[in-house]
Amino acid sequence: AGLKVLVIRPLSSVKINKYQNIPLYFEGNGTIKQISDFLKLIESDNLMIKVDKLSINITNLQTSNDLKFKMQVSGLTKI
């Protein structure tokens, strides 16, 4: 989607019956269109991925189209 990702960090996974929930935290920057396109890609994928947390901030009012995001997503995988 064209996002600039600065940090990617896996978080502790959780076993749920025959599945494992694998959360992933990342942060970076991009435009609102790039963030929107990324969320559309997650929604349209055949994988079981959900957005757990999302925050978007304007870091510089002079360039308000450059946004900083922090996001946590998680996906299920069969064990």
PDB file of N, CA and C in Angstrom:
ATOM      1  N   ALA A   1       0.820  -1.210   0.000  1.00  0.00           N
ATOM      2  CA  ALA A   1       0.000   0.000   0.000  1.00  0.00           C
ATOM      3  C   ALA A   1       0.856   1.263   0.000  1.00  0.00           C
ATOM      4  N   GLY A   2       2.181   1.109   0.136  1.00  0.00           N
ATOM      5  CA  GLY A   2       3.065   2.260   0.102  1.00  0.00           C
ATOM      6  C   GLY A   2       3.371   2.882   1.449  1.00  0.00           C
ATOM      7  N   LEU A   3       2.964   2.246   2.529  1.00  0.00           N
ATOM      8  CA  LEU A   3       3.253   2.771   3.860  1.00  0.00           C
ATOM      9  C   LEU A   3       4.744   2.634   4.170  1.00  0.00           C
ATOM     10  N   LYS A   4       5.282   3.585   4.906  1.00  0.00           N
ATOM     11  CA  LYS A   4       6.664   3.489   5.376  1.00  0.00           C
ATOM     12  C   LYS A   4       6.617   2.937   6.794  1.00  0.00           C
ATOM     13  N   VAL A   5       7.025   1.689   6.965  1.00  0.00           N
ATOM     14  CA  VAL A   5       6.982   1.025   8.262  1.00  0.00           C
ATOM     15  C   VAL A   5       8.342   1.180   8.923  1.00  0.00           C
ATOM     16  N   LEU A   6       8.345   1.740  10.129  1.00  0.00           N
ATOM     17  CA  LEU A   6       9.580   1.989  10.862  1.00  0.00           C
ATOM     18  C   LEU A   6       9.861   0.937  11.924  1.00  0.00           C
ATOM     19  N   VAL A   7       8.812   0.370  12.519  1.00  0.00           N
ATOM     20  CA  VAL A   7       8.954  -0.615  13.596  1.00  0.00           C
ATOM     21  C   VAL A   7       8.006  -1.770  13.325  1.00  0.00           C
ATOM     22  N   ILE A   8       8.522  -2.986  13.429  1.00  0.00           N
ATOM     23  CA  ILE A   8       7.687  -4.193  13.388  1.00  0.00           C
ATOM     24  C   ILE A   8       8.116  -5.043  14.571  1.00  0.00           C
ATOM     25  N   ARG A   9       7.120  -5.432  15.387  1.00  0.00           N
ATOM     26  CA  ARG A   9       7.449  -6.208  16.584  1.00  0.00           C
ATOM     27  C   ARG A   9       6.381  -7.286  16.794  1.00  0.00           C
ATOM     28  N   PRO A  10       6.783  -8.562  16.780  1.00  0.00           N
ATOM     29  CA  PRO A  10       5.821  -9.613  17.119  1.00  0.00           C
ATOM     30  C   PRO A  10       5.539  -9.582  18.613  1.00  0.00           C
ATOM     31  N   LEU A  11       4.313  -9.879  18.984  1.00  0.00           N
ATOM     32  CA  LEU A  11       3.906  -9.934  20.389  1.00  0.00           C
ATOM     33  C   LEU A  11       3.651 -11.390  20.775  1.00  0.00           C
ATOM     34  N   SER A  12       3.449 -11.640  22.034  1.00  0.00           N
ATOM     35  CA  SER A  12       3.244 -13.017  22.518  1.00  0.00           C
ATOM     36  C   SER A  12       2.000 -13.625  21.898  1.00  0.00           C
ATOM     37  N   SER A  13       2.148 -14.826  21.396  1.00  0.00           N
ATOM     38  CA  SER A  13       1.004 -15.515  20.793  1.00  0.00           C
ATOM     39  C   SER A  13       0.196 -16.229  21.875  1.00  0.00           C
ATOM     40  N   VAL A  14      -1.055 -16.518  21.534  1.00  0.00           N
ATOM     41  CA  VAL A  14      -1.978 -17.164  22.469  1.00  0.00           C
ATOM     42  C   VAL A  14      -2.610 -18.358  21.763  1.00  0.00           C
ATOM     43  N   LYS A  15      -2.576 -19.508  22.417  1.00  0.00           N
ATOM     44  CA  LYS A  15      -3.200 -20.710  21.872  1.00  0.00           C
ATOM     45  C   LYS A  15      -4.688 -20.692  22.165  1.00  0.00           C
ATOM     46  N   ILE A  16      -5.499 -20.935  21.126  1.00  0.00           N
ATOM     47  CA  ILE A  16      -6.958 -20.998  21.258  1.00  0.00           C
ATOM     48  C   ILE A  16      -7.408 -22.293  20.580  1.00  0.00           C
ATOM     49  N   ASN A  17      -7.676 -23.322  21.380  1.00  0.00           N
ATOM     50  CA  ASN A  17      -8.046 -24.647  20.870  1.00  0.00           C
ATOM     51  C   ASN A  17      -6.989 -25.143  19.889  1.00  0.00           C
ATOM     52  N   LYS A  18      -7.359 -25.366  18.631  1.00  0.00           N
ATOM     53  CA  LYS A  18      -6.419 -25.864  17.623  1.00  0.00           C
ATOM     54  C   LYS A  18      -5.773 -24.731  16.822  1.00  0.00           C
ATOM     55  N   TYR A  19      -5.942 -23.505  17.284  1.00  0.00           N
ATOM     56  CA  TYR A  19      -5.403 -22.345  16.578  1.00  0.00           C
ATOM     57  C   TYR A  19      -4.453 -21.565  17.465  1.00  0.00           C
ATOM     58  N   GLN A  20      -3.658 -20.749  16.845  1.00  0.00           N
ATOM     59  CA  GLN A  20      -2.774 -19.850  17.567  1.00  0.00           C
ATOM     60  C   GLN A  20      -3.037 -18.433  17.068  1.00  0.00           C
ATOM     61  N   ASN A  21      -3.296 -17.525  18.013  1.00  0.00           N
ATOM     62  CA  ASN A  21      -3.499 -16.113  17.693  1.00  0.00           C
ATOM     63  C   ASN A  21      -2.127 -15.439  17.742  1.00  0.00           C
ATOM     64  N   ILE A  22      -1.706 -14.860  16.615  1.00  0.00           N
ATOM     65  CA  ILE A  22      -0.384 -14.255  16.517  1.00  0.00           C
ATOM     66  C   ILE A  22      -0.539 -12.754  16.293  1.00  0.00           C
ATOM     67  N   PRO A  23      -0.289 -11.937  17.326  1.00  0.00           N
ATOM     68  CA  PRO A  23      -0.390 -10.487  17.178  1.00  0.00           C
ATOM     69  C   PRO A  23       0.930  -9.884  16.688  1.00  0.00           C
ATOM     70  N   LEU A  24       0.812  -8.787  15.966  1.00  0.00           N
ATOM     71  CA  LEU A  24       1.957  -8.084  15.415  1.00  0.00           C
ATOM     72  C   LEU A  24       1.725  -6.590  15.566  1.00  0.00           C
ATOM     73  N   TYR A  25       2.705  -5.894  16.126  1.00  0.00           N
ATOM     74  CA  TYR A  25       2.629  -4.442  16.311  1.00  0.00           C
ATOM     75  C   TYR A  25       3.553  -3.782  15.301  1.00  0.00           C
ATOM     76  N   PHE A  26       3.080  -2.715  14.675  1.00  0.00           N
ATOM     77  CA  PHE A  26       3.966  -1.947  13.820  1.00  0.00           C
ATOM     78  C   PHE A  26       3.570  -0.490  13.807  1.00  0.00           C
ATOM     79  N   GLU A  27       4.528   0.355  13.470  1.00  0.00           N
ATOM     80  CA  GLU A  27       4.282   1.788  13.371  1.00  0.00           C
ATOM     81  C   GLU A  27       5.105   2.359  12.227  1.00  0.00           C
ATOM     82  N   GLY A  28       4.634   3.473  11.739  1.00  0.00           N
ATOM     83  CA  GLY A  28       5.298   4.125  10.614  1.00  0.00           C
ATOM     84  C   GLY A  28       4.533   5.356  10.205  1.00  0.00           C
ATOM     85  N   ASN A  29       4.663   5.719   8.941  1.00  0.00           N
ATOM     86  CA  ASN A  29       3.922   6.880   8.463  1.00  0.00           C
ATOM     87  C   ASN A  29       3.480   6.679   7.017  1.00  0.00           C
ATOM     88  N   GLY A  30       2.520   7.501   6.631  1.00  0.00           N
ATOM     89  CA  GLY A  30       1.956   7.454   5.289  1.00  0.00           C
ATOM     90  C   GLY A  30       0.783   8.400   5.190  1.00  0.00           C
ATOM     91  N   THR A  31       0.150   8.403   4.054  1.00  0.00           N
ATOM     92  CA  THR A  31      -1.021   9.256   3.844  1.00  0.00           C
ATOM     93  C   THR A  31      -2.278   8.508   4.274  1.00  0.00           C
ATOM     94  N   ILE A  32      -3.373   9.229   4.411  1.00  0.00           N
ATOM     95  CA  ILE A  32      -4.642   8.592   4.788  1.00  0.00           C
ATOM     96  C   ILE A  32      -5.074   7.602   3.712  1.00  0.00           C
ATOM     97  N   LYS A  33      -4.775   7.881   2.456  1.00  0.00           N
ATOM     98  CA  LYS A  33      -5.111   6.955   1.358  1.00  0.00           C
ATOM     99  C   LYS A  33      -4.308   5.670   1.484  1.00  0.00           C
ATOM    100  N   GLN A  34      -3.019   5.779   1.812  1.00  0.00           N
ATOM    101  CA  GLN A  34      -2.195   4.584   1.970  1.00  0.00           C
ATOM    102  C   GLN A  34      -2.676   3.732   3.147  1.00  0.00           C
ATOM    103  N   ILE A  35      -3.022   4.372   4.242  1.00  0.00           N
ATOM    104  CA  ILE A  35      -3.541   3.636   5.404  1.00  0.00           C
ATOM    105  C   ILE A  35      -4.866   2.966   5.046  1.00  0.00           C
ATOM    106  N   SER A  36      -5.726   3.692   4.359  1.00  0.00           N
ATOM    107  CA  SER A  36      -7.011   3.146   3.934  1.00  0.00           C
ATOM    108  C   SER A  36      -6.824   1.956   2.988  1.00  0.00           C
ATOM    109  N   ASP A  37      -5.900   2.085   2.032  1.00  0.00           N
ATOM    110  CA  ASP A  37      -5.637   0.979   1.102  1.00  0.00           C
ATOM    111  C   ASP A  37      -5.127  -0.254   1.839  1.00  0.00           C
ATOM    112  N   PHE A  38      -4.268  -0.042   2.838  1.00  0.00           N
ATOM    113  CA  PHE A  38      -3.755  -1.158   3.625  1.00  0.00           C
ATOM    114  C   PHE A  38      -4.890  -1.867   4.366  1.00  0.00           C
ATOM    115  N   LEU A  39      -5.782  -1.097   4.979  1.00  0.00           N
ATOM    116  CA  LEU A  39      -6.906  -1.699   5.703  1.00  0.00           C
ATOM    117  C   LEU A  39      -7.833  -2.454   4.758  1.00  0.00           C
ATOM    118  N   LYS A  40      -8.016  -1.942   3.544  1.00  0.00           N
ATOM    119  CA  LYS A  40      -8.826  -2.651   2.551  1.00  0.00           C
ATOM    120  C   LYS A  40      -8.179  -3.972   2.156  1.00  0.00           C
ATOM    121  N   LEU A  41      -6.836  -3.982   2.040  1.00  0.00           N
ATOM    122  CA  LEU A  41      -6.127  -5.221   1.708  1.00  0.00           C
ATOM    123  C   LEU A  41      -6.315  -6.271   2.789  1.00  0.00           C
ATOM    124  N   ILE A  42      -6.250  -5.851   4.048  1.00  0.00           N
ATOM    125  CA  ILE A  42      -6.461  -6.791   5.159  1.00  0.00           C
ATOM    126  C   ILE A  42      -7.877  -7.352   5.105  1.00  0.00           C
ATOM    127  N   GLU A  43      -8.848  -6.488   4.863  1.00  0.00           N
ATOM    128  CA  GLU A  43     -10.248  -6.910   4.852  1.00  0.00           C
ATOM    129  C   GLU A  43     -10.547  -7.858   3.699  1.00  0.00           C
ATOM    130  N   SER A  44      -9.912  -7.658   2.555  1.00  0.00           N
ATOM    131  CA  SER A  44     -10.238  -8.456   1.378  1.00  0.00           C
ATOM    132  C   SER A  44      -9.419  -9.739   1.284  1.00  0.00           C
ATOM    133  N   ASP A  45      -8.435  -9.935   2.157  1.00  0.00           N
ATOM    134  CA  ASP A  45      -7.599 -11.120   2.113  1.00  0.00           C
ATOM    135  C   ASP A  45      -8.366 -12.327   2.641  1.00  0.00           C
ATOM    136  N   ASN A  46      -7.995 -13.505   2.153  1.00  0.00           N
ATOM    137  CA  ASN A  46      -8.643 -14.739   2.604  1.00  0.00           C
ATOM    138  C   ASN A  46      -8.127 -15.202   3.958  1.00  0.00           C
ATOM    139  N   LEU A  47      -7.081 -14.569   4.467  1.00  0.00           N
ATOM    140  CA  LEU A  47      -6.556 -14.923   5.779  1.00  0.00           C
ATOM    141  C   LEU A  47      -7.452 -14.370   6.871  1.00  0.00           C
ATOM    142  N   MET A  48      -7.357 -14.947   8.038  1.00  0.00           N
ATOM    143  CA  MET A  48      -8.156 -14.463   9.167  1.00  0.00           C
ATOM    144  C   MET A  48      -7.315 -13.461   9.948  1.00  0.00           C
ATOM    145  N   ILE A  49      -7.385 -12.200   9.542  1.00  0.00           N
ATOM    146  CA  ILE A  49      -6.623 -11.120  10.160  1.00  0.00           C
ATOM    147  C   ILE A  49      -7.603 -10.068  10.655  1.00  0.00           C
ATOM    148  N   LYS A  50      -7.325  -9.525  11.854  1.00  0.00           N
ATOM    149  CA  LYS A  50      -8.159  -8.445  12.360  1.00  0.00           C
ATOM    150  C   LYS A  50      -7.268  -7.340  12.923  1.00  0.00           C
ATOM    151  N   VAL A  51      -7.795  -6.132  12.901  1.00  0.00           N
ATOM    152  CA  VAL A  51      -7.092  -4.990  13.468  1.00  0.00           C
ATOM    153  C   VAL A  51      -7.515  -4.885  14.925  1.00  0.00           C
ATOM    154  N   ASP A  52      -6.557  -5.027  15.839  1.00  0.00           N
ATOM    155  CA  ASP A  52      -6.842  -4.952  17.268  1.00  0.00           C
ATOM    156  C   ASP A  52      -6.812  -3.517  17.760  1.00  0.00           C
ATOM    157  N   LYS A  53      -5.809  -2.753  17.344  1.00  0.00           N
ATOM    158  CA  LYS A  53      -5.644  -1.361  17.772  1.00  0.00           C
ATOM    159  C   LYS A  53      -5.124  -0.545  16.595  1.00  0.00           C
ATOM    160  N   LEU A  54      -5.570   0.713  16.547  1.00  0.00           N
ATOM    161  CA  LEU A  54      -5.112   1.610  15.494  1.00  0.00           C
ATOM    162  C   LEU A  54      -5.161   3.035  16.011  1.00  0.00           C
ATOM    163  N   SER A  55      -4.051   3.748  15.877  1.00  0.00           N
ATOM    164  CA  SER A  55      -4.055   5.173  16.181  1.00  0.00           C
ATOM    165  C   SER A  55      -3.347   5.892  15.043  1.00  0.00           C
ATOM    166  N   ILE A  56      -3.903   7.042  14.673  1.00  0.00           N
ATOM    167  CA  ILE A  56      -3.358   7.856  13.585  1.00  0.00           C
ATOM    168  C   ILE A  56      -3.213   9.271  14.114  1.00  0.00           C
ATOM    169  N   ASN A  57      -2.036   9.854  13.912  1.00  0.00           N
ATOM    170  CA  ASN A  57      -1.761  11.211  14.392  1.00  0.00           C
ATOM    171  C   ASN A  57      -1.124  12.058  13.304  1.00  0.00           C
ATOM    172  N   ILE A  58      -1.434  13.340  13.320  1.00  0.00           N
ATOM    173  CA  ILE A  58      -0.741  14.304  12.469  1.00  0.00           C
ATOM    174  C   ILE A  58       0.520  14.714  13.222  1.00  0.00           C
ATOM    175  N   THR A  59       1.661  14.538  12.603  1.00  0.00           N
ATOM    176  CA  THR A  59       2.920  14.867  13.279  1.00  0.00           C
ATOM    177  C   THR A  59       3.384  16.285  12.981  1.00  0.00           C
ATOM    178  N   ASN A  60       2.961  16.829  11.836  1.00  0.00           N
ATOM    179  CA  ASN A  60       3.395  18.161  11.439  1.00  0.00           C
ATOM    180  C   ASN A  60       2.235  18.846  10.723  1.00  0.00           C
ATOM    181  N   LEU A  61       1.739  19.933  11.271  1.00  0.00           N
ATOM    182  CA  LEU A  61       0.599  20.622  10.654  1.00  0.00           C
ATOM    183  C   LEU A  61       0.951  21.211   9.287  1.00  0.00           C
ATOM    184  N   GLN A  62       2.242  21.447   9.036  1.00  0.00           N
ATOM    185  CA  GLN A  62       2.661  21.957   7.730  1.00  0.00           C
ATOM    186  C   GLN A  62       2.479  20.905   6.634  1.00  0.00           C
ATOM    187  N   THR A  63       2.640  19.651   7.006  1.00  0.00           N
ATOM    188  CA  THR A  63       2.440  18.542   6.059  1.00  0.00           C
ATOM    189  C   THR A  63       1.404  17.588   6.647  1.00  0.00           C
ATOM    190  N   SER A  64       0.165  18.054   6.722  1.00  0.00           N
ATOM    191  CA  SER A  64      -0.889  17.281   7.400  1.00  0.00           C
ATOM    192  C   SER A  64      -1.271  16.005   6.650  1.00  0.00           C
ATOM    193  N   ASN A  65      -0.789  15.841   5.408  1.00  0.00           N
ATOM    194  CA  ASN A  65      -1.101  14.598   4.699  1.00  0.00           C
ATOM    195  C   ASN A  65      -0.124  13.481   5.084  1.00  0.00           C
ATOM    196  N   ASP A  66       0.947  13.792   5.817  1.00  0.00           N
ATOM    197  CA  ASP A  66       1.877  12.790   6.312  1.00  0.00           C
ATOM    198  C   ASP A  66       1.482  12.425   7.738  1.00  0.00           C
ATOM    199  N   LEU A  67       0.923  11.239   7.910  1.00  0.00           N
ATOM    200  CA  LEU A  67       0.382  10.806   9.189  1.00  0.00           C
ATOM    201  C   LEU A  67       1.249   9.733   9.817  1.00  0.00           C
ATOM    202  N   LYS A  68       1.325   9.734  11.133  1.00  0.00           N
ATOM    203  CA  LYS A  68       2.005   8.680  11.866  1.00  0.00           C
ATOM    204  C   LYS A  68       0.945   7.694  12.339  1.00  0.00           C
ATOM    205  N   PHE A  69       1.190   6.408  12.149  1.00  0.00           N
ATOM    206  CA  PHE A  69       0.240   5.404  12.605  1.00  0.00           C
ATOM    207  C   PHE A  69       0.924   4.406  13.527  1.00  0.00           C
ATOM    208  N   LYS A  70       0.127   3.862  14.429  1.00  0.00           N
ATOM    209  CA  LYS A  70       0.515   2.745  15.282  1.00  0.00           C
ATOM    210  C   LYS A  70      -0.611   1.740  15.163  1.00  0.00           C
ATOM    211  N   MET A  71      -0.257   0.496  14.886  1.00  0.00           N
ATOM    212  CA  MET A  71      -1.288  -0.493  14.617  1.00  0.00           C
ATOM    213  C   MET A  71      -0.890  -1.845  15.194  1.00  0.00           C
ATOM    214  N   GLN A  72      -1.895  -2.543  15.703  1.00  0.00           N
ATOM    215  CA  GLN A  72      -1.693  -3.923  16.120  1.00  0.00           C
ATOM    216  C   GLN A  72      -2.718  -4.771  15.398  1.00  0.00           C
ATOM    217  N   VAL A  73      -2.245  -5.760  14.685  1.00  0.00           N
ATOM    218  CA  VAL A  73      -3.126  -6.703  13.995  1.00  0.00           C
ATOM    219  C   VAL A  73      -2.825  -8.090  14.537  1.00  0.00           C
ATOM    220  N   SER A  74      -3.772  -8.987  14.380  1.00  0.00           N
ATOM    221  CA  SER A  74      -3.533 -10.360  14.774  1.00  0.00           C
ATOM    222  C   SER A  74      -4.169 -11.290  13.757  1.00  0.00           C
ATOM    223  N   GLY A  75      -3.576 -12.444  13.625  1.00  0.00           N
ATOM    224  CA  GLY A  75      -4.078 -13.447  12.694  1.00  0.00           C
ATOM    225  C   GLY A  75      -4.123 -14.804  13.359  1.00  0.00           C
ATOM    226  N   LEU A  76      -4.984 -15.653  12.862  1.00  0.00           N
ATOM    227  CA  LEU A  76      -5.099 -17.008  13.381  1.00  0.00           C
ATOM    228  C   LEU A  76      -4.401 -17.978  12.430  1.00  0.00           C
ATOM    229  N   THR A  77      -3.704 -18.909  13.002  1.00  0.00           N
ATOM    230  CA  THR A  77      -3.100 -19.985  12.221  1.00  0.00           C
ATOM    231  C   THR A  77      -3.412 -21.318  12.887  1.00  0.00           C
ATOM    232  N   LYS A  78      -3.596 -22.345  12.099  1.00  0.00           N
ATOM    233  CA  LYS A  78      -3.900 -23.660  12.649  1.00  0.00           C
ATOM    234  C   LYS A  78      -2.599 -24.300  13.145  1.00  0.00           C
ATOM    235  N   ILE A  79      -2.686 -24.887  14.330  1.00  0.00           N
ATOM    236  CA  ILE A  79      -1.504 -25.534  14.931  1.00  0.00           C
ATOM    237  C   ILE A  79      -1.358 -26.937  14.396  1.00  0.00           C
TER     238      ILE A  79
END
